[in-house]
PDB file of N, CA and C in Angstrom:
ATOM      1  N   MET A   1      98.772 -22.247  11.014  1.00  0.00           N
ATOM      2  CA  MET A   1      99.632 -21.580  11.971  1.00  0.00           C
ATOM      3  C   MET A   1      98.862 -21.347  13.261  1.00  0.00           C
ATOM      4  N   ASP A   2      99.518 -21.567  14.341  1.00  0.00           N
ATOM      5  CA  ASP A   2      98.907 -21.347  15.639  1.00  0.00           C
ATOM      6  C   ASP A   2      99.550 -20.112  16.263  1.00  0.00           C
ATOM      7  N   LEU A   3      98.977 -18.946  15.981  1.00  0.00           N
ATOM      8  CA  LEU A   3      99.540 -17.675  16.440  1.00  0.00           C
ATOM      9  C   LEU A   3      98.502 -16.895  17.224  1.00  0.00           C
ATOM     10  N   GLU A   4      98.975 -16.079  18.122  1.00  0.00           N
ATOM     11  CA  GLU A   4      98.096 -15.176  18.859  1.00  0.00           C
ATOM     12  C   GLU A   4      97.859 -13.934  18.007  1.00  0.00           C
ATOM     13  N   ALA A   5      96.627 -13.484  17.948  1.00  0.00           N
ATOM     14  CA  ALA A   5      96.279 -12.301  17.145  1.00  0.00           C
ATOM     15  C   ALA A   5      97.036 -11.066  17.617  1.00  0.00           C
ATOM     16  N   GLU A   6      97.381 -11.009  18.890  1.00  0.00           N
ATOM     17  CA  GLU A   6      98.081  -9.838  19.438  1.00  0.00           C
ATOM     18  C   GLU A   6      99.406  -9.571  18.736  1.00  0.00           C
ATOM     19  N   LEU A   7     100.003 -10.630  18.156  1.00  0.00           N
ATOM     20  CA  LEU A   7     101.263 -10.455  17.444  1.00  0.00           C
ATOM     21  C   LEU A   7     101.132  -9.387  16.361  1.00  0.00           C
ATOM     22  N   PHE A   8      99.967  -9.296  15.738  1.00  0.00           N
ATOM     23  CA  PHE A   8      99.752  -8.390  14.622  1.00  0.00           C
ATOM     24  C   PHE A   8      99.234  -7.015  15.041  1.00  0.00           C
ATOM     25  N   PHE A   9      99.228  -6.758  16.347  1.00  0.00           N
ATOM     26  CA  PHE A   9      98.758  -5.471  16.863  1.00  0.00           C
ATOM     27  C   PHE A   9      99.745  -4.911  17.878  1.00  0.00           C
ATOM     28  N   PRO A  10     100.977  -4.597  17.440  1.00  0.00           N
ATOM     29  CA  PRO A  10     101.947  -4.016  18.368  1.00  0.00           C
ATOM     30  C   PRO A  10     101.480  -2.640  18.840  1.00  0.00           C
ATOM     31  N   ILE A  11     101.860  -2.304  20.041  1.00  0.00           N
ATOM     32  CA  ILE A  11     101.460  -1.022  20.621  1.00  0.00           C
ATOM     33  C   ILE A  11     102.685  -0.121  20.712  1.00  0.00           C
ATOM     34  N   GLY A  12     102.596   1.031  20.070  1.00  0.00           N
ATOM     35  CA  GLY A  12     103.664   2.017  20.142  1.00  0.00           C
ATOM     36  C   GLY A  12     104.772   1.768  19.148  1.00  0.00           C
ATOM     37  N   ASN A  13     105.897   2.463  19.369  1.00  0.00           N
ATOM     38  CA  ASN A  13     107.053   2.307  18.486  1.00  0.00           C
ATOM     39  C   ASN A  13     108.329   2.111  19.283  1.00  0.00           C
ATOM     40  N   SER A  14     108.167   1.533  20.471  1.00  0.00           N
ATOM     41  CA  SER A  14     109.317   1.231  21.308  1.00  0.00           C
ATOM     42  C   SER A  14     110.056   0.025  20.744  1.00  0.00           C
ATOM     43  N   SER A  15     111.186  -0.279  21.315  1.00  0.00           N
ATOM     44  CA  SER A  15     111.980  -1.409  20.857  1.00  0.00           C
ATOM     45  C   SER A  15     111.192  -2.727  20.901  1.00  0.00           C
ATOM     46  N   PRO A  16     110.452  -3.030  21.990  1.00  0.00           N
ATOM     47  CA  PRO A  16     109.663  -4.267  21.987  1.00  0.00           C
ATOM     48  C   PRO A  16     108.592  -4.279  20.888  1.00  0.00           C
ATOM     49  N   ALA A  17     107.957  -3.148  20.639  1.00  0.00           N
ATOM     50  CA  ALA A  17     106.933  -3.083  19.588  1.00  0.00           C
ATOM     51  C   ALA A  17     107.556  -3.282  18.215  1.00  0.00           C
ATOM     52  N   LEU A  18     108.745  -2.750  18.004  1.00  0.00           N
ATOM     53  CA  LEU A  18     109.421  -2.925  16.715  1.00  0.00           C
ATOM     54  C   LEU A  18     109.838  -4.377  16.514  1.00  0.00           C
ATOM     55  N   ARG A  19     110.261  -5.052  17.583  1.00  0.00           N
ATOM     56  CA  ARG A  19     110.585  -6.482  17.478  1.00  0.00           C
ATOM     57  C   ARG A  19     109.327  -7.288  17.158  1.00  0.00           C
ATOM     58  N   GLN A  20     108.217  -6.910  17.797  1.00  0.00           N
ATOM     59  CA  GLN A  20     106.942  -7.585  17.541  1.00  0.00           C
ATOM     60  C   GLN A  20     106.517  -7.385  16.087  1.00  0.00           C
ATOM     61  N   THR A  21     106.690  -6.178  15.579  1.00  0.00           N
ATOM     62  CA  THR A  21     106.363  -5.883  14.187  1.00  0.00           C
ATOM     63  C   THR A  21     107.210  -6.730  13.243  1.00  0.00           C
ATOM     64  N   ALA A  22     108.491  -6.857  13.545  1.00  0.00           N
ATOM     65  CA  ALA A  22     109.381  -7.669  12.710  1.00  0.00           C
ATOM     66  C   ALA A  22     108.938  -9.131  12.709  1.00  0.00           C
ATOM     67  N   LYS A  23     108.525  -9.644  13.871  1.00  0.00           N
ATOM     68  CA  LYS A  23     108.043 -11.027  13.943  1.00  0.00           C
ATOM     69  C   LYS A  23     106.761 -11.202  13.123  1.00  0.00           C
ATOM     70  N   ALA A  24     105.852 -10.241  13.238  1.00  0.00           N
ATOM     71  CA  ALA A  24     104.600 -10.319  12.483  1.00  0.00           C
ATOM     72  C   ALA A  24     104.871 -10.263  10.981  1.00  0.00           C
ATOM     73  N   ASN A  25     105.766  -9.386  10.571  1.00  0.00           N
ATOM     74  CA  ASN A  25     106.103  -9.281   9.149  1.00  0.00           C
ATOM     75  C   ASN A  25     106.753 -10.560   8.630  1.00  0.00           C
ATOM     76  N   ALA A  26     107.538 -11.234   9.474  1.00  0.00           N
ATOM     77  CA  ALA A  26     108.144 -12.510   9.078  1.00  0.00           C
ATOM     78  C   ALA A  26     107.055 -13.551   8.821  1.00  0.00           C
ATOM     79  N   VAL A  27     106.008 -13.543   9.637  1.00  0.00           N
ATOM     80  CA  VAL A  27     104.879 -14.450   9.422  1.00  0.00           C
ATOM     81  C   VAL A  27     104.203 -14.113   8.097  1.00  0.00           C
ATOM     82  N   CYS A  28     103.993 -12.830   7.838  1.00  0.00           N
ATOM     83  CA  CYS A  28     103.330 -12.409   6.597  1.00  0.00           C
ATOM     84  C   CYS A  28     104.116 -12.843   5.364  1.00  0.00           C
ATOM     85  N   ARG A  29     105.427 -12.797   5.443  1.00  0.00           N
ATOM     86  CA  ARG A  29     106.243 -13.189   4.283  1.00  0.00           C
ATOM     87  C   ARG A  29     106.065 -14.665   3.936  1.00  0.00           C
ATOM     88  N   ARG A  30     105.666 -15.482   4.907  1.00  0.00           N
ATOM     89  CA  ARG A  30     105.463 -16.919   4.657  1.00  0.00           C
ATOM     90  C   ARG A  30     104.001 -17.265   4.379  1.00  0.00           C
ATOM     91  N   CYS A  31     103.124 -16.289   4.428  1.00  0.00           N
ATOM     92  CA  CYS A  31     101.683 -16.541   4.358  1.00  0.00           C
ATOM     93  C   CYS A  31     101.188 -16.637   2.918  1.00  0.00           C
ATOM     94  N   ASP A  32     100.284 -17.603   2.690  1.00  0.00           N
ATOM     95  CA  ASP A  32      99.713 -17.803   1.359  1.00  0.00           C
ATOM     96  C   ASP A  32      98.630 -16.790   1.005  1.00  0.00           C
ATOM     97  N   VAL A  33      98.061 -16.118   1.992  1.00  0.00           N
ATOM     98  CA  VAL A  33      96.954 -15.194   1.717  1.00  0.00           C
ATOM     99  C   VAL A  33      97.334 -13.741   2.001  1.00  0.00           C
ATOM    100  N   VAL A  34      98.602 -13.422   1.917  1.00  0.00           N
ATOM    101  CA  VAL A  34      99.075 -12.086   2.263  1.00  0.00           C
ATOM    102  C   VAL A  34      98.408 -11.006   1.407  1.00  0.00           C
ATOM    103  N   GLN A  35      98.243 -11.244   0.105  1.00  0.00           N
ATOM    104  CA  GLN A  35      97.618 -10.235  -0.758  1.00  0.00           C
ATOM    105  C   GLN A  35      96.145 -10.057  -0.424  1.00  0.00           C
ATOM    106  N   ALA A  36      95.442 -11.143  -0.186  1.00  0.00           N
ATOM    107  CA  ALA A  36      94.020 -11.053   0.180  1.00  0.00           C
ATOM    108  C   ALA A  36      93.859 -10.354   1.525  1.00  0.00           C
ATOM    109  N   CYS A  37      94.764 -10.616   2.436  1.00  0.00           N
ATOM    110  CA  CYS A  37      94.734  -9.977   3.756  1.00  0.00           C
ATOM    111  C   CYS A  37      94.902  -8.465   3.621  1.00  0.00           C
ATOM    112  N   LEU A  38      95.880  -8.062   2.839  1.00  0.00           N
ATOM    113  CA  LEU A  38      96.114  -6.633   2.637  1.00  0.00           C
ATOM    114  C   LEU A  38      94.936  -5.983   1.929  1.00  0.00           C
ATOM    115  N   ARG A  39      94.408  -6.635   0.914  1.00  0.00           N
ATOM    116  CA  ARG A  39      93.267  -6.068   0.187  1.00  0.00           C
ATOM    117  C   ARG A  39      92.081  -5.888   1.132  1.00  0.00           C
ATOM    118  N   TRP A  40      91.809  -6.887   1.991  1.00  0.00           N
ATOM    119  CA  TRP A  40      90.707  -6.789   2.941  1.00  0.00           C
ATOM    120  C   TRP A  40      90.922  -5.603   3.885  1.00  0.00           C
ATOM    121  N   ALA A  41      92.144  -5.429   4.373  1.00  0.00           N
ATOM    122  CA  ALA A  41      92.434  -4.322   5.289  1.00  0.00           C
ATOM    123  C   ALA A  41      92.223  -2.977   4.618  1.00  0.00           C
ATOM    124  N   ILE A  42      92.641  -2.867   3.371  1.00  0.00           N
ATOM    125  CA  ILE A  42      92.466  -1.609   2.633  1.00  0.00           C
ATOM    126  C   ILE A  42      90.985  -1.348   2.388  1.00  0.00           C
ATOM    127  N   ASP A  43      90.286  -2.378   1.908  1.00  0.00           N
ATOM    128  CA  ASP A  43      88.864  -2.215   1.587  1.00  0.00           C
ATOM    129  C   ASP A  43      88.013  -1.923   2.813  1.00  0.00           C
ATOM    130  N   SER A  44      88.393  -2.462   3.964  1.00  0.00           N
ATOM    131  CA  SER A  44      87.595  -2.274   5.183  1.00  0.00           C
ATOM    132  C   SER A  44      88.143  -1.155   6.071  1.00  0.00           C
ATOM    133  N   LEU A  45      89.110  -0.386   5.525  1.00  0.00           N
ATOM    134  CA  LEU A  45      89.651   0.805   6.201  1.00  0.00           C
ATOM    135  C   LEU A  45      90.221   0.507   7.586  1.00  0.00           C
ATOM    136  N   GLN A  46      90.949  -0.592   7.704  1.00  0.00           N
ATOM    137  CA  GLN A  46      91.593  -0.917   8.973  1.00  0.00           C
ATOM    138  C   GLN A  46      92.628   0.151   9.299  1.00  0.00           C
ATOM    139  N   ASP A  47      92.646   0.613  10.541  1.00  0.00           N
ATOM    140  CA  ASP A  47      93.610   1.654  10.901  1.00  0.00           C
ATOM    141  C   ASP A  47      94.541   1.223  12.021  1.00  0.00           C
ATOM    142  N   THR A  48      94.490  -0.032  12.420  1.00  0.00           N
ATOM    143  CA  THR A  48      95.429  -0.563  13.403  1.00  0.00           C
ATOM    144  C   THR A  48      95.870  -1.943  12.956  1.00  0.00           C
ATOM    145  N   GLY A  49      97.015  -2.363  13.428  1.00  0.00           N
ATOM    146  CA  GLY A  49      97.502  -3.709  13.161  1.00  0.00           C
ATOM    147  C   GLY A  49      98.337  -3.808  11.907  1.00  0.00           C
ATOM    148  N   LEU A  50      98.872  -5.007  11.704  1.00  0.00           N
ATOM    149  CA  LEU A  50      99.631  -5.316  10.499  1.00  0.00           C
ATOM    150  C   LEU A  50      98.778  -6.219   9.632  1.00  0.00           C
ATOM    151  N   TRP A  51      98.639  -5.869   8.384  1.00  0.00           N
ATOM    152  CA  TRP A  51      97.796  -6.600   7.438  1.00  0.00           C
ATOM    153  C   TRP A  51      98.580  -6.788   6.158  1.00  0.00           C
ATOM    154  N   GLY A  52      98.694  -8.001   5.702  1.00  0.00           N
ATOM    155  CA  GLY A  52      99.392  -8.259   4.449  1.00  0.00           C
ATOM    156  C   GLY A  52     100.830  -7.792   4.465  1.00  0.00           C
ATOM    157  N   GLY A  53     101.447  -7.804   5.629  1.00  0.00           N
ATOM    158  CA  GLY A  53     102.840  -7.404   5.741  1.00  0.00           C
ATOM    159  C   GLY A  53     103.074  -5.911   5.843  1.00  0.00           C
ATOM    160  N   LEU A  54     102.009  -5.129   5.931  1.00  0.00           N
ATOM    161  CA  LEU A  54     102.142  -3.678   6.049  1.00  0.00           C
ATOM    162  C   LEU A  54     101.379  -3.182   7.266  1.00  0.00           C
ATOM    163  N   SER A  55     101.774  -2.061   7.782  1.00  0.00           N
ATOM    164  CA  SER A  55     101.077  -1.458   8.910  1.00  0.00           C
ATOM    165  C   SER A  55      99.815  -0.767   8.426  1.00  0.00           C
ATOM    166  N   ALA A  56      98.705  -1.068   9.043  1.00  0.00           N
ATOM    167  CA  ALA A  56      97.442  -0.423   8.685  1.00  0.00           C
ATOM    168  C   ALA A  56      97.515   1.052   9.014  1.00  0.00           C
ATOM    169  N   GLY A  57      96.830   1.844   8.224  1.00  0.00           N
ATOM    170  CA  GLY A  57      96.782   3.276   8.472  1.00  0.00           C
ATOM    171  C   GLY A  57      97.978   4.032   7.929  1.00  0.00           C
ATOM    172  N   VAL A  58      98.988   3.329   7.420  1.00  0.00           N
ATOM    173  CA  VAL A  58     100.144   4.001   6.844  1.00  0.00           C
ATOM    174  C   VAL A  58      99.822   4.295   5.385  1.00  0.00           C
ATOM    175  N   PRO A  59      99.978   5.542   4.961  1.00  0.00           N
ATOM    176  CA  PRO A  59      99.664   5.862   3.567  1.00  0.00           C
ATOM    177  C   PRO A  59     100.460   4.982   2.613  1.00  0.00           C
ATOM    178  N   PRO A  60      99.845   4.527   1.524  1.00  0.00           N
ATOM    179  CA  PRO A  60     100.559   3.670   0.577  1.00  0.00           C
ATOM    180  C   PRO A  60     101.877   4.258   0.103  1.00  0.00           C
ATOM    181  N   ALA A  61     102.001   5.581   0.068  1.00  0.00           N
ATOM    182  CA  ALA A  61     103.254   6.193  -0.369  1.00  0.00           C
ATOM    183  C   ALA A  61     104.405   5.831   0.562  1.00  0.00           C
ATOM    184  N   LEU A  62     104.094   5.496   1.818  1.00  0.00           N
ATOM    185  CA  LEU A  62     105.139   5.134   2.767  1.00  0.00           C
ATOM    186  C   LEU A  62     105.369   3.633   2.821  1.00  0.00           C
ATOM    187  N   ASN A  63     104.554   2.862   2.151  1.00  0.00           N
ATOM    188  CA  ASN A  63     104.713   1.418   2.075  1.00  0.00           C
ATOM    189  C   ASN A  63     105.259   1.080   0.696  1.00  0.00           C
ATOM    190  N   PRO A  64     106.011  -0.010   0.576  1.00  0.00           N
ATOM    191  CA  PRO A  64     106.542  -0.356  -0.742  1.00  0.00           C
ATOM    192  C   PRO A  64     105.423  -0.650  -1.734  1.00  0.00           C
ATOM    193  N   PRO A  65     105.383   0.031  -2.879  1.00  0.00           N
ATOM    194  CA  PRO A  65     104.284  -0.153  -3.823  1.00  0.00           C
ATOM    195  C   PRO A  65     104.188  -1.575  -4.343  1.00  0.00           C
ATOM    196  N   GLU A  66     105.313  -2.289  -4.424  1.00  0.00           N
ATOM    197  CA  GLU A  66     105.245  -3.656  -4.938  1.00  0.00           C
ATOM    198  C   GLU A  66     104.515  -4.587  -3.970  1.00  0.00           C
ATOM    199  N   ALA A  67     104.319  -4.161  -2.729  1.00  0.00           N
ATOM    200  CA  ALA A  67     103.609  -4.994  -1.756  1.00  0.00           C
ATOM    201  C   ALA A  67     102.098  -4.860  -1.886  1.00  0.00           C
ATOM    202  N   LEU A  68     101.657  -3.814  -2.541  1.00  0.00           N
ATOM    203  CA  LEU A  68     100.217  -3.595  -2.660  1.00  0.00           C
ATOM    204  C   LEU A  68      99.636  -4.363  -3.832  1.00  0.00           C
ATOM    205  N   PRO A  69      98.509  -5.043  -3.616  1.00  0.00           N
ATOM    206  CA  PRO A  69      97.850  -5.701  -4.737  1.00  0.00           C
ATOM    207  C   PRO A  69      97.200  -4.656  -5.632  1.00  0.00           C
ATOM    208  N   PRO A  70      96.866  -5.011  -6.865  1.00  0.00           N
ATOM    209  CA  PRO A  70      96.214  -4.027  -7.734  1.00  0.00           C
ATOM    210  C   PRO A  70      94.862  -3.615  -7.165  1.00  0.00           C
ATOM    211  N   PRO A  71      94.479  -2.364  -7.332  1.00  0.00           N
ATOM    212  CA  PRO A  71      93.185  -1.918  -6.798  1.00  0.00           C
ATOM    213  C   PRO A  71      92.039  -2.606  -7.539  1.00  0.00           C
ATOM    214  N   PRO A  72      90.900  -2.741  -6.862  1.00  0.00           N
ATOM    215  CA  PRO A  72      89.759  -3.365  -7.540  1.00  0.00           C
ATOM    216  C   PRO A  72      89.253  -2.462  -8.658  1.00  0.00           C
ATOM    217  N   ALA A  73      88.684  -3.073  -9.670  1.00  0.00           N
ATOM    218  CA  ALA A  73      88.118  -2.302 -10.776  1.00  0.00           C
ATOM    219  C   ALA A  73      86.911  -1.526 -10.276  1.00  0.00           C
ATOM    220  N   ARG A  74      86.817  -0.294 -10.665  1.00  0.00           N
ATOM    221  CA  ARG A  74      85.687   0.538 -10.261  1.00  0.00           C
ATOM    222  C   ARG A  74      84.815   0.794 -11.481  1.00  0.00           C
ATOM    223  N   PRO A  75      83.500   0.727 -11.299  1.00  0.00           N
ATOM    224  CA  PRO A  75      82.631   0.992 -12.449  1.00  0.00           C
ATOM    225  C   PRO A  75      82.768   2.440 -12.903  1.00  0.00           C
ATOM    226  N   THR A  76      82.684   2.632 -14.185  1.00  0.00           N
ATOM    227  CA  THR A  76      82.745   3.974 -14.764  1.00  0.00           C
ATOM    228  C   THR A  76      81.406   4.667 -14.517  1.00  0.00           C
ATOM    229  N   GLN A  77      81.487   5.892 -14.037  1.00  0.00           N
ATOM    230  CA  GLN A  77      80.259   6.646 -13.814  1.00  0.00           C
ATOM    231  C   GLN A  77      79.995   7.503 -15.043  1.00  0.00           C
ATOM    232  N   HIS A  78      78.818   7.396 -15.555  1.00  0.00           N
ATOM    233  CA  HIS A  78      78.441   8.162 -16.738  1.00  0.00           C
ATOM    234  C   HIS A  78      77.568   9.335 -16.317  1.00  0.00           C
ATOM    235  N   ALA A  79      77.757  10.431 -16.999  1.00  0.00           N
ATOM    236  CA  ALA A  79      76.930  11.614 -16.732  1.00  0.00           C
ATOM    237  C   ALA A  79      75.520  11.352 -17.256  1.00  0.00           C
ATOM    238  N   PRO A  80      74.526  11.911 -16.599  1.00  0.00           N
ATOM    239  CA  PRO A  80      73.162  11.709 -17.115  1.00  0.00           C
ATOM    240  C   PRO A  80      73.018  12.385 -18.472  1.00  0.00           C
ATOM    241  N   PRO A  81      72.137  11.878 -19.326  1.00  0.00           N
ATOM    242  CA  PRO A  81      71.979  12.484 -20.651  1.00  0.00           C
ATOM    243  C   PRO A  81      71.447  13.913 -20.534  1.00  0.00           C
ATOM    244  N   PRO A  82      71.848  14.775 -21.450  1.00  0.00           N
ATOM    245  CA  PRO A  82      71.362  16.160 -21.399  1.00  0.00           C
ATOM    246  C   PRO A  82      69.857  16.205 -21.651  1.00  0.00           C
ATOM    247  N   ARG A  83      69.197  17.200 -21.122  1.00  0.00           N
ATOM    248  CA  ARG A  83      67.745  17.332 -21.290  1.00  0.00           C
ATOM    249  C   ARG A  83      67.429  18.255 -22.413  1.00  0.00           C
TER     250      ARG A  83
END
């Protein structure tokens, strides 16, 4: 795809920004790496732009849960042995 990166960074919530967001989301719906993109944005704490079809910085509770990939496995932390 030959797209300008600015498409994924709308400014504000005016009508033009909402149209830009809709266009960016349409691109995400056709993208083969949408889940990897979203996971990268979550892991790297992106707070601007659209990543994996969702707006960065928006709490997951406000985004559709089915759009989120499963969280990475976290190692279990064990308590130190008693002395």
